N, C-alpha and C. Protein backbone atom coordinates (compact mmCIF):
# COMPACT_ATOMS: atom_id res chain seq x y z
N MET A 1 93.86 127.53 98.80
CA MET A 1 93.12 126.16 98.99
C MET A 1 94.03 125.04 99.03
N PHE A 2 93.78 124.02 99.88
CA PHE A 2 94.50 122.84 99.98
C PHE A 2 93.66 121.36 99.75
N ILE A 3 94.01 121.05 98.66
CA ILE A 3 93.02 119.71 98.19
C ILE A 3 94.11 118.53 98.06
N CYS A 4 93.49 117.43 98.71
CA CYS A 4 94.27 116.04 98.87
C CYS A 4 93.38 115.10 98.26
N PHE A 5 93.93 113.97 97.86
CA PHE A 5 93.76 112.87 97.30
C PHE A 5 94.09 111.79 98.09
N GLU A 6 93.44 110.91 98.93
CA GLU A 6 93.77 109.86 99.46
C GLU A 6 93.19 108.42 98.91
N GLY A 7 93.72 107.19 99.19
CA GLY A 7 93.13 105.91 98.57
C GLY A 7 94.33 104.80 98.54
N ILE A 8 93.68 103.76 98.55
CA ILE A 8 94.69 102.74 98.29
C ILE A 8 95.40 102.84 96.72
N ALA A 9 96.63 102.22 96.97
CA ALA A 9 97.35 102.14 95.34
C ALA A 9 96.30 101.51 94.45
N GLY A 10 96.37 102.28 93.20
CA GLY A 10 95.55 101.70 92.26
C GLY A 10 94.12 102.33 91.99
N ALA A 11 93.88 103.33 93.22
CA ALA A 11 92.53 103.86 93.00
C ALA A 11 92.34 104.99 92.11
N GLY A 12 93.47 105.47 91.57
CA GLY A 12 93.55 106.37 90.44
C GLY A 12 93.68 107.81 90.94
N LYS A 13 94.63 107.84 92.06
CA LYS A 13 94.90 109.44 92.75
C LYS A 13 95.80 110.36 91.94
N THR A 14 96.85 109.58 91.15
CA THR A 14 97.57 110.34 90.45
C THR A 14 96.95 110.99 88.94
N THR A 15 95.92 109.97 88.50
CA THR A 15 95.14 110.61 87.40
C THR A 15 94.09 111.62 87.79
N GLN A 16 93.65 111.61 88.99
CA GLN A 16 92.62 112.79 89.14
C GLN A 16 93.37 113.77 89.52
N VAL A 17 94.63 113.89 90.16
CA VAL A 17 95.48 115.05 90.64
C VAL A 17 95.58 115.92 89.09
N LYS A 18 96.04 115.05 88.19
CA LYS A 18 96.30 115.68 86.71
C LYS A 18 95.19 116.11 86.04
N ILE A 19 94.03 115.63 86.26
CA ILE A 19 92.93 116.00 85.77
C ILE A 19 92.33 117.34 86.45
N LEU A 20 92.48 117.27 87.85
CA LEU A 20 91.96 118.59 88.25
C LEU A 20 92.94 119.68 88.14
N GLU A 21 94.40 119.27 88.05
CA GLU A 21 95.27 120.40 88.06
C GLU A 21 94.84 121.22 86.61
N LYS A 22 94.56 120.48 85.71
CA LYS A 22 94.39 120.69 84.17
C LYS A 22 93.10 121.74 84.17
N TYR A 23 92.11 121.10 84.95
CA TYR A 23 90.94 121.87 85.05
C TYR A 23 90.81 123.20 85.84
N LEU A 24 91.42 123.39 86.89
CA LEU A 24 91.81 124.59 87.76
C LEU A 24 92.32 125.56 86.80
N LYS A 25 93.30 125.13 85.97
CA LYS A 25 94.09 125.89 85.04
C LYS A 25 93.06 126.69 84.00
N THR A 26 91.88 126.06 83.78
CA THR A 26 91.04 126.78 82.78
C THR A 26 90.23 127.88 83.70
N LYS A 27 90.14 127.80 85.01
CA LYS A 27 89.67 128.77 85.76
C LYS A 27 90.59 129.84 85.94
N LYS A 28 91.85 129.60 85.32
CA LYS A 28 93.00 131.02 85.77
C LYS A 28 93.40 130.72 87.05
N LEU A 29 93.26 129.68 87.69
CA LEU A 29 93.92 129.39 89.15
C LEU A 29 95.29 128.99 88.99
N LYS A 30 96.29 129.57 89.78
CA LYS A 30 97.53 128.81 90.02
C LYS A 30 97.47 127.59 90.78
N THR A 31 98.09 126.67 90.48
CA THR A 31 98.21 125.39 90.94
C THR A 31 99.62 125.06 91.70
N PHE A 32 99.67 124.09 92.31
CA PHE A 32 100.96 123.32 93.11
C PHE A 32 100.57 121.77 93.07
N VAL A 33 101.13 120.99 92.46
CA VAL A 33 101.00 119.55 92.77
C VAL A 33 102.05 119.16 93.69
N SER A 34 101.65 118.25 94.55
CA SER A 34 102.74 117.71 95.49
C SER A 34 102.58 116.18 95.66
N ALA A 35 103.85 115.64 95.61
CA ALA A 35 103.57 114.05 95.60
C ALA A 35 104.72 113.71 96.50
N ALA A 36 104.73 112.90 97.73
CA ALA A 36 106.08 112.60 98.38
C ALA A 36 106.77 111.61 97.75
N TYR A 37 106.15 110.47 96.78
CA TYR A 37 106.93 109.35 96.22
C TYR A 37 106.25 109.19 94.91
N GLU A 38 106.51 110.16 93.91
CA GLU A 38 106.02 109.86 92.76
C GLU A 38 107.31 110.54 91.48
N ASN A 39 107.23 110.21 90.16
CA ASN A 39 108.08 110.66 89.24
C ASN A 39 109.50 110.71 89.80
N LYS A 40 110.26 111.85 89.88
CA LYS A 40 111.72 111.95 89.73
C LYS A 40 111.89 111.13 91.19
N ARG A 41 111.17 111.80 92.28
CA ARG A 41 111.34 111.38 93.85
C ARG A 41 111.39 110.11 93.48
N ARG A 42 110.25 109.13 93.15
CA ARG A 42 110.46 107.96 93.17
C ARG A 42 111.46 107.05 92.63
N ASN A 43 112.14 107.84 91.35
CA ASN A 43 113.21 106.95 91.02
C ASN A 43 114.52 106.99 92.02
N LEU A 44 114.68 108.31 92.44
CA LEU A 44 115.80 108.62 93.43
C LEU A 44 115.49 107.52 94.76
N VAL A 45 114.35 107.77 95.09
CA VAL A 45 114.11 107.16 96.63
C VAL A 45 114.20 105.65 96.22
N SER A 46 113.79 105.07 95.24
CA SER A 46 113.70 103.57 95.05
C SER A 46 115.48 103.30 94.72
N ASN A 47 116.28 103.94 94.05
CA ASN A 47 117.59 103.42 93.89
C ASN A 47 118.45 103.81 95.31
N PHE A 48 118.05 104.56 96.25
CA PHE A 48 118.51 104.63 97.53
C PHE A 48 118.31 103.58 98.59
N ILE A 49 116.84 103.26 98.21
CA ILE A 49 116.60 102.18 99.03
C ILE A 49 117.26 100.73 98.73
N ASN A 50 117.40 100.45 97.58
CA ASN A 50 118.09 99.31 97.00
C ASN A 50 119.72 99.49 97.36
N LYS A 51 120.26 100.43 97.14
CA LYS A 51 121.76 100.68 97.36
C LYS A 51 122.08 100.67 98.90
N ALA A 52 120.93 101.21 99.57
CA ALA A 52 121.17 101.21 101.29
C ALA A 52 120.80 99.90 101.85
N ASN A 53 119.91 99.05 100.90
CA ASN A 53 119.62 97.97 101.31
C ASN A 53 118.72 97.86 102.56
N ILE A 54 117.77 98.77 102.64
CA ILE A 54 116.85 98.82 103.81
C ILE A 54 115.40 98.40 103.54
N LYS A 55 115.29 97.66 102.41
CA LYS A 55 113.71 97.57 101.97
C LYS A 55 113.06 96.75 103.14
N GLN A 56 113.73 96.01 103.79
CA GLN A 56 113.15 94.75 104.84
C GLN A 56 113.09 95.62 106.24
N ASN A 57 113.67 96.85 106.30
CA ASN A 57 113.62 97.40 107.82
C ASN A 57 112.50 98.32 107.72
N LYS A 58 111.38 98.04 108.66
CA LYS A 58 110.03 98.87 108.53
C LYS A 58 110.62 100.19 108.96
N GLU A 59 111.52 100.22 110.32
CA GLU A 59 111.64 101.21 110.99
C GLU A 59 112.46 102.42 110.25
N ALA A 60 113.49 101.89 109.43
CA ALA A 60 114.41 102.70 108.45
C ALA A 60 113.42 103.23 107.38
N MET A 61 112.42 102.49 106.76
CA MET A 61 111.59 102.75 105.64
C MET A 61 110.80 103.81 106.09
N MET A 62 110.33 103.87 107.36
CA MET A 62 109.54 104.96 107.95
C MET A 62 110.13 106.31 108.18
N PHE A 63 111.40 105.96 108.53
CA PHE A 63 112.19 107.55 108.71
C PHE A 63 112.61 107.92 107.33
N LEU A 64 112.67 107.18 106.36
CA LEU A 64 112.75 107.85 104.86
C LEU A 64 111.82 108.40 104.68
N PHE A 65 110.65 107.74 104.52
CA PHE A 65 109.41 108.41 104.00
C PHE A 65 108.77 109.72 105.01
N GLN A 66 109.16 109.70 106.24
CA GLN A 66 108.80 110.76 107.07
C GLN A 66 109.75 112.02 106.58
N THR A 67 111.16 111.61 106.09
CA THR A 67 111.91 112.69 105.61
C THR A 67 111.10 113.36 104.29
N LEU A 68 110.81 112.34 103.52
CA LEU A 68 109.99 112.91 102.41
C LEU A 68 108.76 113.66 102.67
N HIS A 69 108.24 113.25 103.72
CA HIS A 69 106.87 113.97 104.15
C HIS A 69 107.15 115.40 104.70
N ALA A 70 108.16 115.46 105.32
CA ALA A 70 108.86 117.01 105.86
C ALA A 70 109.14 118.03 105.08
N ALA A 71 109.72 117.14 103.85
CA ALA A 71 109.96 117.94 102.53
C ALA A 71 108.66 118.52 101.62
N GLN A 72 107.89 117.64 101.84
CA GLN A 72 106.48 117.81 100.99
C GLN A 72 105.80 118.94 101.82
N ARG A 73 105.82 118.77 103.19
CA ARG A 73 104.82 119.76 103.89
C ARG A 73 105.70 121.18 103.68
N GLU A 74 106.79 121.11 103.71
CA GLU A 74 107.50 122.73 103.37
C GLU A 74 106.97 123.27 102.06
N GLU A 75 107.00 122.28 100.94
CA GLU A 75 106.78 122.96 99.64
C GLU A 75 105.40 123.18 99.49
N VAL A 76 104.52 122.34 100.30
CA VAL A 76 102.98 122.86 100.19
C VAL A 76 102.89 124.19 100.76
N LEU A 77 103.46 124.32 101.99
CA LEU A 77 103.26 125.52 102.88
C LEU A 77 103.79 126.79 101.95
N THR A 78 104.84 126.57 101.25
CA THR A 78 105.52 127.66 100.42
C THR A 78 104.56 127.95 99.27
N ALA A 79 103.87 126.90 98.81
CA ALA A 79 102.68 127.21 97.62
C ALA A 79 101.48 127.74 98.34
N LEU A 80 101.31 127.55 99.41
CA LEU A 80 99.95 128.13 99.94
C LEU A 80 100.25 129.54 100.41
N ASN A 81 101.49 129.93 100.71
CA ASN A 81 101.85 131.08 101.10
C ASN A 81 101.88 132.15 99.89
N LYS A 82 101.94 131.45 98.70
CA LYS A 82 101.91 132.04 97.53
C LYS A 82 100.61 132.35 97.07
N LYS A 83 99.56 131.84 97.56
CA LYS A 83 98.12 131.88 97.22
C LYS A 83 97.93 130.91 96.12
N GLU A 84 98.50 129.89 95.98
CA GLU A 84 98.34 128.96 94.88
C GLU A 84 97.33 127.92 95.43
N VAL A 85 96.54 127.28 94.40
CA VAL A 85 95.62 126.06 94.83
C VAL A 85 96.82 124.80 95.12
N VAL A 86 96.86 124.10 96.21
CA VAL A 86 97.64 122.79 96.19
C VAL A 86 97.00 121.57 95.95
N ILE A 87 97.32 120.72 95.22
CA ILE A 87 96.79 119.53 95.11
C ILE A 87 97.79 118.33 95.52
N ALA A 88 97.54 117.78 96.38
CA ALA A 88 98.42 117.01 97.07
C ALA A 88 98.25 115.24 96.82
N ASP A 89 98.95 114.76 96.27
CA ASP A 89 98.86 112.91 95.86
C ASP A 89 99.22 112.35 97.34
N ARG A 90 98.39 112.23 98.01
CA ARG A 90 98.47 111.73 99.56
C ARG A 90 98.89 112.66 100.31
N TRP A 91 98.47 112.54 101.68
CA TRP A 91 99.18 113.33 102.80
C TRP A 91 99.49 112.53 103.94
N ARG A 92 98.93 113.05 105.06
CA ARG A 92 99.75 112.46 106.50
C ARG A 92 99.03 110.98 106.41
N TYR A 93 97.60 110.81 105.96
CA TYR A 93 96.79 109.73 106.51
C TYR A 93 97.63 108.45 105.72
N SER A 94 98.37 108.32 104.64
CA SER A 94 98.77 107.25 104.24
C SER A 94 99.72 106.68 104.91
N PHE A 95 100.35 107.87 105.81
CA PHE A 95 101.54 106.93 106.73
C PHE A 95 100.68 106.22 107.75
N TRP A 96 99.74 106.52 108.07
CA TRP A 96 98.86 105.85 109.19
C TRP A 96 98.38 104.57 108.68
N THR A 97 97.87 104.64 107.63
CA THR A 97 97.30 103.24 107.09
C THR A 97 98.47 102.34 106.88
N TYR A 98 99.49 102.70 106.34
CA TYR A 98 100.52 101.79 106.08
C TYR A 98 101.08 101.14 107.20
N HIS A 99 101.75 102.19 108.14
CA HIS A 99 102.30 101.68 109.24
C HIS A 99 101.55 101.00 110.33
N LEU A 100 100.35 101.30 110.43
CA LEU A 100 99.69 100.43 111.20
C LEU A 100 99.50 98.98 110.87
N GLN A 101 99.34 98.96 109.51
CA GLN A 101 99.22 97.31 109.07
C GLN A 101 100.51 96.85 109.16
N LYS A 102 101.66 97.27 108.93
CA LYS A 102 102.75 96.85 109.08
C LYS A 102 103.44 96.60 110.46
N LYS A 103 102.65 97.17 111.39
CA LYS A 103 103.04 97.27 112.91
C LYS A 103 104.44 97.88 113.03
N THR A 104 104.49 98.89 112.40
CA THR A 104 106.14 99.60 112.76
C THR A 104 106.26 100.08 114.24
N PHE A 105 107.37 99.72 114.59
CA PHE A 105 107.46 100.12 116.17
C PHE A 105 106.54 99.09 117.10
N ASN A 106 106.34 98.03 116.52
CA ASN A 106 105.44 97.10 117.18
C ASN A 106 104.03 97.56 117.40
N GLY A 107 103.69 98.56 116.55
CA GLY A 107 102.27 99.07 116.51
C GLY A 107 102.13 100.06 117.71
N ASP A 108 103.01 100.51 118.03
CA ASP A 108 103.15 101.56 119.02
C ASP A 108 102.56 102.96 118.50
N GLU A 109 101.37 103.57 118.62
CA GLU A 109 100.63 104.53 118.19
C GLU A 109 101.28 105.98 118.60
N ILE A 110 101.66 105.75 119.88
CA ILE A 110 102.28 107.12 120.48
C ILE A 110 103.58 107.56 119.69
N ILE A 111 104.21 106.42 119.59
CA ILE A 111 105.52 106.99 118.73
C ILE A 111 105.23 107.35 117.37
N MET A 112 104.35 106.68 116.49
CA MET A 112 103.85 106.98 115.30
C MET A 112 103.16 108.28 115.22
N LYS A 113 102.45 108.93 116.49
CA LYS A 113 101.70 110.04 116.33
C LYS A 113 103.04 111.10 116.25
N LYS A 114 103.86 110.78 117.25
CA LYS A 114 105.15 111.87 117.29
C LYS A 114 105.75 111.78 115.94
N MET A 115 105.93 111.05 115.20
CA MET A 115 106.75 111.06 113.92
C MET A 115 105.68 111.75 113.09
N ASP A 116 104.57 111.54 113.00
CA ASP A 116 103.53 112.20 112.10
C ASP A 116 103.39 113.71 112.32
N GLU A 117 103.54 114.12 113.66
CA GLU A 117 103.57 115.57 114.19
C GLU A 117 104.60 116.10 113.63
N LEU A 118 105.79 115.27 113.82
CA LEU A 118 107.26 115.88 113.35
C LEU A 118 107.37 116.21 111.82
N ALA A 119 106.79 115.48 111.02
CA ALA A 119 106.80 115.57 109.38
C ALA A 119 105.50 116.56 109.32
N PHE A 120 104.59 116.63 109.39
CA PHE A 120 103.37 117.16 109.09
C PHE A 120 103.12 118.72 109.96
N LYS A 121 103.24 118.65 111.16
CA LYS A 121 102.74 119.33 112.10
C LYS A 121 101.37 119.41 112.00
N SER A 122 100.60 120.78 112.01
CA SER A 122 99.34 120.99 111.96
C SER A 122 98.72 121.43 110.54
N LEU A 123 99.32 121.29 109.62
CA LEU A 123 99.06 121.43 108.24
C LEU A 123 98.00 120.28 107.81
N ASN A 124 96.92 120.71 107.63
CA ASN A 124 95.79 119.65 106.94
C ASN A 124 95.13 120.15 105.64
N PRO A 125 94.54 119.41 104.98
CA PRO A 125 93.97 119.81 103.69
C PRO A 125 92.47 120.48 104.07
N ASP A 126 92.09 121.47 103.27
CA ASP A 126 90.86 121.91 103.30
C ASP A 126 89.58 120.88 102.91
N ILE A 127 90.00 120.25 101.97
CA ILE A 127 89.15 119.20 101.45
C ILE A 127 90.15 117.93 101.18
N CYS A 128 89.63 116.88 101.58
CA CYS A 128 90.28 115.69 101.26
C CYS A 128 89.16 114.63 100.48
N PHE A 129 89.78 114.16 99.57
CA PHE A 129 88.84 113.06 98.63
C PHE A 129 89.47 111.74 98.92
N LEU A 130 88.70 110.73 99.43
CA LEU A 130 88.76 109.37 99.23
C LEU A 130 88.37 108.76 98.16
N LEU A 131 89.28 108.37 97.19
CA LEU A 131 88.88 107.77 96.05
C LEU A 131 88.72 106.13 96.33
N ASN A 132 87.42 105.71 96.42
CA ASN A 132 86.90 104.55 97.02
C ASN A 132 86.63 103.52 96.19
N LEU A 133 87.20 102.29 96.23
CA LEU A 133 86.97 101.16 95.34
C LEU A 133 87.22 99.65 96.14
N SER A 134 86.72 98.63 95.50
CA SER A 134 86.68 97.38 96.32
C SER A 134 88.34 97.22 96.28
N PRO A 135 88.80 96.20 97.43
CA PRO A 135 90.20 95.72 97.39
C PRO A 135 90.67 94.94 96.11
N GLN A 136 89.80 93.97 95.79
CA GLN A 136 89.83 93.21 94.32
C GLN A 136 90.17 94.22 93.16
N LEU A 137 89.54 95.24 92.81
CA LEU A 137 89.66 95.91 91.80
C LEU A 137 90.88 96.96 91.95
N ALA A 138 91.10 97.41 93.17
CA ALA A 138 92.52 98.19 93.55
C ALA A 138 93.58 97.36 93.24
N TYR A 139 93.53 96.09 93.82
CA TYR A 139 94.65 94.93 93.63
C TYR A 139 95.02 94.89 92.10
N GLU A 140 93.98 94.68 91.42
CA GLU A 140 94.17 94.32 89.96
C GLU A 140 94.99 95.47 89.06
N ARG A 141 94.45 96.58 89.48
CA ARG A 141 94.97 97.78 89.04
C ARG A 141 96.39 98.19 89.42
N TYR A 142 96.54 97.92 90.83
CA TYR A 142 97.92 97.78 91.42
C TYR A 142 98.92 97.09 90.74
N LEU A 143 98.66 95.93 90.39
CA LEU A 143 99.66 94.85 89.82
C LEU A 143 99.92 95.41 88.50
N LYS A 144 98.86 95.68 87.71
CA LYS A 144 99.30 96.01 86.54
C LYS A 144 99.95 97.20 86.07
N ARG A 145 100.02 98.31 87.17
CA ARG A 145 100.79 99.38 87.25
C ARG A 145 102.15 99.02 87.64
N GLU A 146 102.26 98.23 88.56
CA GLU A 146 103.59 98.17 89.35
C GLU A 146 104.52 97.22 88.41
N LYS A 147 103.72 96.44 87.85
CA LYS A 147 104.43 95.72 86.59
C LYS A 147 105.46 96.67 85.57
N LYS A 148 104.96 97.81 85.47
CA LYS A 148 105.57 98.72 84.25
C LYS A 148 106.51 99.41 85.00
N ILE A 149 106.34 99.98 86.18
CA ILE A 149 107.10 101.20 87.03
C ILE A 149 107.83 100.65 87.92
N ASN A 150 107.72 99.48 88.57
CA ASN A 150 108.40 98.91 89.87
C ASN A 150 109.45 97.99 89.81
N GLU A 151 110.48 98.29 88.70
CA GLU A 151 111.75 97.37 88.84
C GLU A 151 112.63 97.45 89.89
N SER A 152 112.60 98.77 90.68
CA SER A 152 113.48 98.29 91.88
C SER A 152 112.93 99.09 93.07
N GLY A 153 111.52 99.48 93.04
CA GLY A 153 111.08 100.13 93.93
C GLY A 153 110.80 99.32 95.33
N LEU A 154 109.54 99.41 96.04
CA LEU A 154 108.92 98.86 97.10
C LEU A 154 108.55 97.44 96.68
N ASN A 155 108.72 96.74 97.90
CA ASN A 155 108.22 95.18 97.52
C ASN A 155 106.91 95.31 97.26
N LEU A 156 106.45 94.41 96.40
CA LEU A 156 104.96 94.60 96.31
C LEU A 156 103.98 93.78 97.64
N VAL A 157 103.06 94.33 97.85
CA VAL A 157 102.12 94.03 99.01
C VAL A 157 101.15 92.94 98.48
N ASP A 158 100.50 92.28 99.34
CA ASP A 158 99.75 91.01 98.95
C ASP A 158 98.18 91.51 99.18
N PHE A 159 97.17 90.74 98.66
CA PHE A 159 95.94 91.09 98.67
C PHE A 159 95.27 91.47 100.13
N ASN A 160 95.82 90.77 101.01
CA ASN A 160 95.32 91.11 102.43
C ASN A 160 95.50 92.46 102.92
N TYR A 161 96.59 92.95 102.57
CA TYR A 161 97.04 94.21 102.86
C TYR A 161 96.06 95.18 102.36
N PHE A 162 95.63 94.90 101.16
CA PHE A 162 94.69 95.80 100.32
C PHE A 162 93.40 95.94 101.18
N LYS A 163 92.77 94.56 101.82
CA LYS A 163 91.43 94.54 102.41
C LYS A 163 91.66 95.27 103.24
N SER A 164 92.78 95.37 104.28
CA SER A 164 92.74 95.78 105.55
C SER A 164 92.95 97.32 105.27
N VAL A 165 93.83 97.99 104.29
CA VAL A 165 93.91 99.27 104.22
C VAL A 165 92.68 100.02 103.66
N VAL A 166 91.83 99.19 102.76
CA VAL A 166 90.71 99.87 102.22
C VAL A 166 89.78 100.06 103.25
N LYS A 167 89.61 99.13 104.26
CA LYS A 167 88.77 99.03 105.13
C LYS A 167 89.15 100.22 106.47
N MET A 168 90.66 100.48 106.58
CA MET A 168 90.99 101.71 107.24
C MET A 168 90.80 102.94 106.76
N TYR A 169 90.98 103.06 105.38
CA TYR A 169 90.73 104.50 104.69
C TYR A 169 89.25 104.88 104.87
N LYS A 170 88.50 103.93 104.68
CA LYS A 170 87.07 104.23 104.81
C LYS A 170 86.56 104.50 106.26
N LYS A 171 87.19 104.04 107.36
CA LYS A 171 86.97 104.58 108.77
C LYS A 171 87.41 105.86 108.98
N ILE A 172 88.86 106.06 108.39
CA ILE A 172 89.55 107.57 108.81
C ILE A 172 88.52 108.40 107.97
N ALA A 173 88.08 108.08 106.65
CA ALA A 173 87.51 109.22 105.79
C ALA A 173 86.04 109.61 106.56
N GLU A 174 85.31 108.52 107.05
CA GLU A 174 83.98 108.99 107.85
C GLU A 174 84.32 109.72 109.23
N LEU A 175 85.44 109.37 109.75
CA LEU A 175 85.65 110.18 110.97
C LEU A 175 86.18 111.41 111.01
N ASN A 176 86.72 112.03 109.59
CA ASN A 176 86.98 112.99 109.25
C ASN A 176 86.23 113.93 108.39
N CYS A 177 85.29 113.26 108.11
CA CYS A 177 84.10 113.82 107.08
C CYS A 177 84.73 114.21 105.61
N TRP A 178 85.50 113.11 105.22
CA TRP A 178 86.10 113.46 103.95
C TRP A 178 84.99 113.36 103.01
N GLU A 179 85.29 113.76 101.58
CA GLU A 179 84.44 113.41 100.46
C GLU A 179 84.73 112.15 99.87
N ILE A 180 83.57 111.17 100.02
CA ILE A 180 84.20 110.04 99.43
C ILE A 180 83.49 109.77 98.07
N VAL A 181 84.50 109.35 97.22
CA VAL A 181 84.36 109.23 95.65
C VAL A 181 84.20 107.67 95.19
N ASP A 182 83.24 107.57 94.59
CA ASP A 182 83.38 106.06 93.92
C ASP A 182 84.30 106.20 92.80
N ALA A 183 85.42 105.29 92.98
CA ALA A 183 86.68 105.23 92.06
C ALA A 183 86.51 104.09 91.33
N SER A 184 85.32 103.38 91.16
CA SER A 184 85.36 102.00 90.30
C SER A 184 85.00 102.28 89.00
N ASN A 185 84.49 103.33 88.55
CA ASN A 185 84.23 103.67 87.15
C ASN A 185 85.39 104.43 86.35
N ASP A 186 85.23 104.66 85.01
CA ASP A 186 86.22 105.49 84.20
C ASP A 186 86.63 106.68 84.95
N GLU A 187 87.55 107.32 84.62
CA GLU A 187 88.36 108.67 85.20
C GLU A 187 87.38 109.73 84.99
N LYS A 188 86.70 109.95 83.77
CA LYS A 188 85.72 110.78 83.64
C LYS A 188 84.40 111.12 84.41
N TYR A 189 83.77 109.73 84.59
CA TYR A 189 82.91 109.55 86.00
C TYR A 189 83.41 110.08 87.04
N VAL A 190 84.62 109.40 87.39
CA VAL A 190 85.09 110.03 88.82
C VAL A 190 85.23 111.45 89.05
N PHE A 191 85.95 112.10 87.74
CA PHE A 191 86.45 113.50 87.88
C PHE A 191 85.00 114.37 87.99
N ASP A 192 83.65 113.94 87.16
CA ASP A 192 82.55 114.27 87.50
C ASP A 192 82.08 114.57 88.81
N GLN A 193 82.49 113.73 89.69
CA GLN A 193 82.09 113.78 91.05
C GLN A 193 82.69 114.81 91.71
N ILE A 194 84.18 114.62 91.32
CA ILE A 194 85.06 115.76 92.23
C ILE A 194 84.77 117.19 91.61
N LYS A 195 84.41 117.23 90.58
CA LYS A 195 84.35 118.56 90.01
C LYS A 195 83.02 119.27 90.62
N LYS A 196 82.01 118.67 90.69
CA LYS A 196 80.71 118.95 91.54
C LYS A 196 81.23 119.45 92.65
N ILE A 197 82.01 118.95 93.58
CA ILE A 197 82.44 119.36 94.84
C ILE A 197 83.09 120.58 95.00
N ILE A 198 84.45 120.42 94.08
CA ILE A 198 85.26 121.36 93.76
C ILE A 198 84.52 122.90 93.35
N ASP A 199 83.74 122.80 92.28
CA ASP A 199 82.89 123.82 91.93
C ASP A 199 82.25 124.75 92.98
N LYS A 200 81.70 124.13 94.03
CA LYS A 200 81.15 124.73 95.21
C LYS A 200 81.97 125.38 95.93
N LYS A 201 83.22 124.85 95.97
CA LYS A 201 84.27 125.42 96.91
C LYS A 201 85.04 126.75 96.29
N ILE A 202 85.10 126.61 94.98
CA ILE A 202 86.05 127.56 94.46
C ILE A 202 84.81 128.81 93.63
N CYS A 203 83.68 128.54 93.57
CA CYS A 203 82.92 129.50 92.87
C CYS A 203 82.33 130.47 94.00
């Protein structure tokens, strides 16, 4: 089974990934967590971005992250072949929400679709959760988190970006019949919603 969490920065994806991983282990299920830009990868990539001085180059940043996404796809595929339950902290959909807003390649969706297919090919999650919350609350959480960990990473985005991306995520979720979860409450409340859906799939 392949489970994915999507949503704007500050939605609580990483937190829910960790809670779900712990829960599935109580069910004696082997799990594998995948994230293109978290933990050690985040530190390594952030250092590279700054040393290579590419932070302001949208195309260069896109190529870099698609390299990470291609590597992420391979590790996910390997885990699935081992019959592990994969939990992804974002998948291909974050690529679209970010680069459409930034108008990478002047907003040429044909080029972006090709780049998406090269990295992810046809591998899609069995279940995708959208952790949905208001742009204002997401932005407040985002700023609080980034002040702690973003010493040399990506540039901070503004509130208008958050409004646009929240709207786009909701549209993608509805088109693809994702599970939309209210992420505005505490982490236990959020996970209770997720757990009800997961239990139906694994029981």
